[in-house]
Amino acid sequence: MISHFFALAKDRLIKVAKSLTLKDRFVQLCLMSSILINISMWFLLLVSISPSEFPIPLHYNVFFGIDYIDSWYKVFLIPCFGILTLLVNFVLTYLLYLKERILSYFLTLTTLIVHVFLIIASYLIIGLNL
């Protein structure tokens, strides 16, 4: 039963790899850029934020100053959200590519834009904690 499931999953992954979605240059560019930005976020946060028993500031507001303080590991929710966005949007892009190509382009571009904003947020949180 389990081996049958893995065989089906393997066949499905091979179909995804050979699909037209991944052969499109725009989708490739946005997908690779998003993955690269996400890896950069992980590296930047792992190098800059060290484990601490004290809470760290995670949000700064111009009007109130630091308004959200929590555990150090909560900062890693930012790249986790990026991975979740990447996975959901890529699955939707894969499903919609042959039916609505322009919508799939918007989804992949949205993924890239979200990742740009997330790396900016990561950079600002690192600056807040220095």
Protein backbone atom coordinates (compact mmCIF):
# COMPACT_ATOMS: atom_id res chain seq x y z
CA MET A 1 0.00 0.00 0.00
CA ILE A 2 2.69 2.48 1.00
CA SER A 3 4.97 1.46 -1.86
CA HIS A 4 2.07 2.02 -4.27
CA PHE A 5 1.60 5.52 -2.84
CA PHE A 6 5.29 6.34 -3.29
CA ALA A 7 5.24 4.97 -6.84
CA LEU A 8 2.30 7.24 -7.68
CA ALA A 9 4.02 10.20 -6.03
CA LYS A 10 7.20 9.50 -8.01
CA ASP A 11 5.25 9.32 -11.28
CA ARG A 12 3.51 12.58 -10.44
CA LEU A 13 6.85 14.31 -9.69
CA ILE A 14 8.23 13.12 -13.02
CA LYS A 15 5.19 14.56 -14.79
CA VAL A 16 5.67 17.88 -13.00
CA ALA A 17 9.33 17.98 -13.98
CA LYS A 18 8.51 17.31 -17.62
CA SER A 19 5.53 19.64 -17.75
CA LEU A 20 5.28 22.76 -19.83
CA THR A 21 5.03 24.85 -16.68
CA LEU A 22 8.67 24.31 -15.78
CA LYS A 23 9.81 24.84 -19.37
CA ASP A 24 8.45 28.38 -19.46
CA ARG A 25 11.30 30.88 -19.03
CA PHE A 26 9.27 33.39 -17.02
CA VAL A 27 8.08 30.72 -14.58
CA GLN A 28 11.63 29.39 -14.28
CA LEU A 29 13.04 32.86 -13.60
CA CYS A 30 10.45 33.72 -10.94
CA LEU A 31 10.67 30.29 -9.30
CA MET A 32 14.47 30.25 -9.14
CA SER A 33 14.60 33.84 -7.92
CA SER A 34 12.10 33.09 -5.17
CA ILE A 35 14.03 30.00 -4.09
CA LEU A 36 17.29 31.95 -4.08
CA ILE A 37 15.74 34.76 -2.01
CA ASN A 38 14.31 32.24 0.44
CA ILE A 39 17.67 30.52 0.87
CA SER A 40 19.25 33.94 1.37
CA MET A 41 16.67 34.75 4.06
CA TRP A 42 17.43 31.54 5.93
CA PHE A 43 21.17 32.16 5.74
CA LEU A 44 20.86 35.82 6.74
CA LEU A 45 18.67 35.03 9.74
CA LEU A 46 20.70 32.02 10.87
CA VAL A 47 23.90 34.05 10.82
CA SER A 48 22.46 37.20 12.39
CA ILE A 49 19.96 36.00 15.02
CA SER A 50 21.44 33.91 17.78
CA PRO A 51 19.46 31.86 20.30
CA SER A 52 18.66 33.82 23.42
CA GLU A 53 16.66 33.21 26.56
CA PHE A 54 15.43 36.80 26.40
CA PRO A 55 12.73 37.89 23.97
CA ILE A 56 13.80 39.97 20.97
CA PRO A 57 11.94 42.78 19.19
CA LEU A 58 10.18 41.50 16.09
CA HIS A 59 8.20 44.56 14.98
CA TYR A 60 8.81 48.28 15.01
CA ASN A 61 6.18 50.93 14.48
CA VAL A 62 7.02 54.56 13.74
CA PHE A 63 4.33 55.82 16.11
CA PHE A 64 4.83 53.47 19.06
CA GLY A 65 8.37 52.14 18.62
CA ILE A 66 8.91 48.47 19.34
CA ASP A 67 5.46 46.95 19.69
CA TYR A 68 6.02 43.20 19.32
CA ILE A 69 8.55 41.25 21.36
CA ASP A 70 8.73 37.45 21.33
CA SER A 71 11.07 34.47 21.33
CA TRP A 72 14.10 34.51 19.02
CA TYR A 73 12.92 31.56 16.94
CA LYS A 74 9.73 33.35 15.85
CA VAL A 75 11.85 35.33 13.39
CA PHE A 76 12.13 32.14 11.32
CA LEU A 77 8.41 32.24 10.61
CA ILE A 78 9.21 34.78 7.89
CA PRO A 79 11.07 32.37 5.58
CA CYS A 80 8.59 29.61 6.51
CA PHE A 81 5.79 31.84 5.24
CA GLY A 82 7.85 32.35 2.09
CA ILE A 83 8.14 28.59 1.54
CA LEU A 84 4.40 28.17 2.11
CA THR A 85 3.64 30.95 -0.39
CA LEU A 86 6.03 29.41 -2.89
CA LEU A 87 4.49 25.96 -2.61
CA VAL A 88 0.86 27.09 -2.79
CA ASN A 89 1.43 29.46 -5.69
CA PHE A 90 3.50 26.93 -7.61
CA VAL A 91 0.85 24.24 -7.23
CA LEU A 92 -1.78 26.70 -8.45
CA THR A 93 0.48 27.76 -11.31
CA TYR A 94 0.99 24.14 -12.29
CA LEU A 95 -2.74 23.45 -12.23
CA LEU A 96 -3.73 26.61 -14.12
CA TYR A 97 -0.90 26.90 -16.64
CA LEU A 98 -2.64 25.24 -19.59
CA LYS A 99 -6.03 26.83 -18.89
CA GLU A 100 -5.10 30.37 -17.80
CA ARG A 101 -1.49 31.12 -18.63
CA ILE A 102 -1.70 34.82 -17.68
CA LEU A 103 -3.06 33.90 -14.24
CA SER A 104 -0.18 31.50 -13.71
CA TYR A 105 2.23 34.31 -14.63
CA PHE A 106 0.58 36.57 -12.06
CA LEU A 107 0.91 33.87 -9.41
CA THR A 108 4.60 33.33 -10.07
CA LEU A 109 5.28 37.06 -10.14
CA THR A 110 3.32 37.48 -6.91
CA THR A 111 5.50 34.82 -5.31
CA LEU A 112 8.62 36.74 -6.30
CA ILE A 113 7.22 40.05 -5.03
CA VAL A 114 6.23 38.46 -1.70
CA HIS A 115 9.76 37.09 -1.32
CA VAL A 116 11.27 40.51 -2.02
CA PHE A 117 9.13 42.03 0.73
CA LEU A 118 9.97 39.18 3.10
CA ILE A 119 13.72 39.60 2.66
CA ILE A 120 13.33 43.34 3.26
CA ALA A 121 11.40 42.55 6.47
CA SER A 122 14.12 40.09 7.51
CA TYR A 123 16.80 42.69 6.92
CA LEU A 124 14.89 45.28 8.97
CA ILE A 125 14.34 42.83 11.85
CA ILE A 126 18.06 42.07 11.87
CA GLY A 127 18.79 45.80 11.99
CA LEU A 128 16.34 46.17 14.85
CA ASN A 129 18.11 43.48 16.86
CA LEU A 130 21.67 44.73 16.46
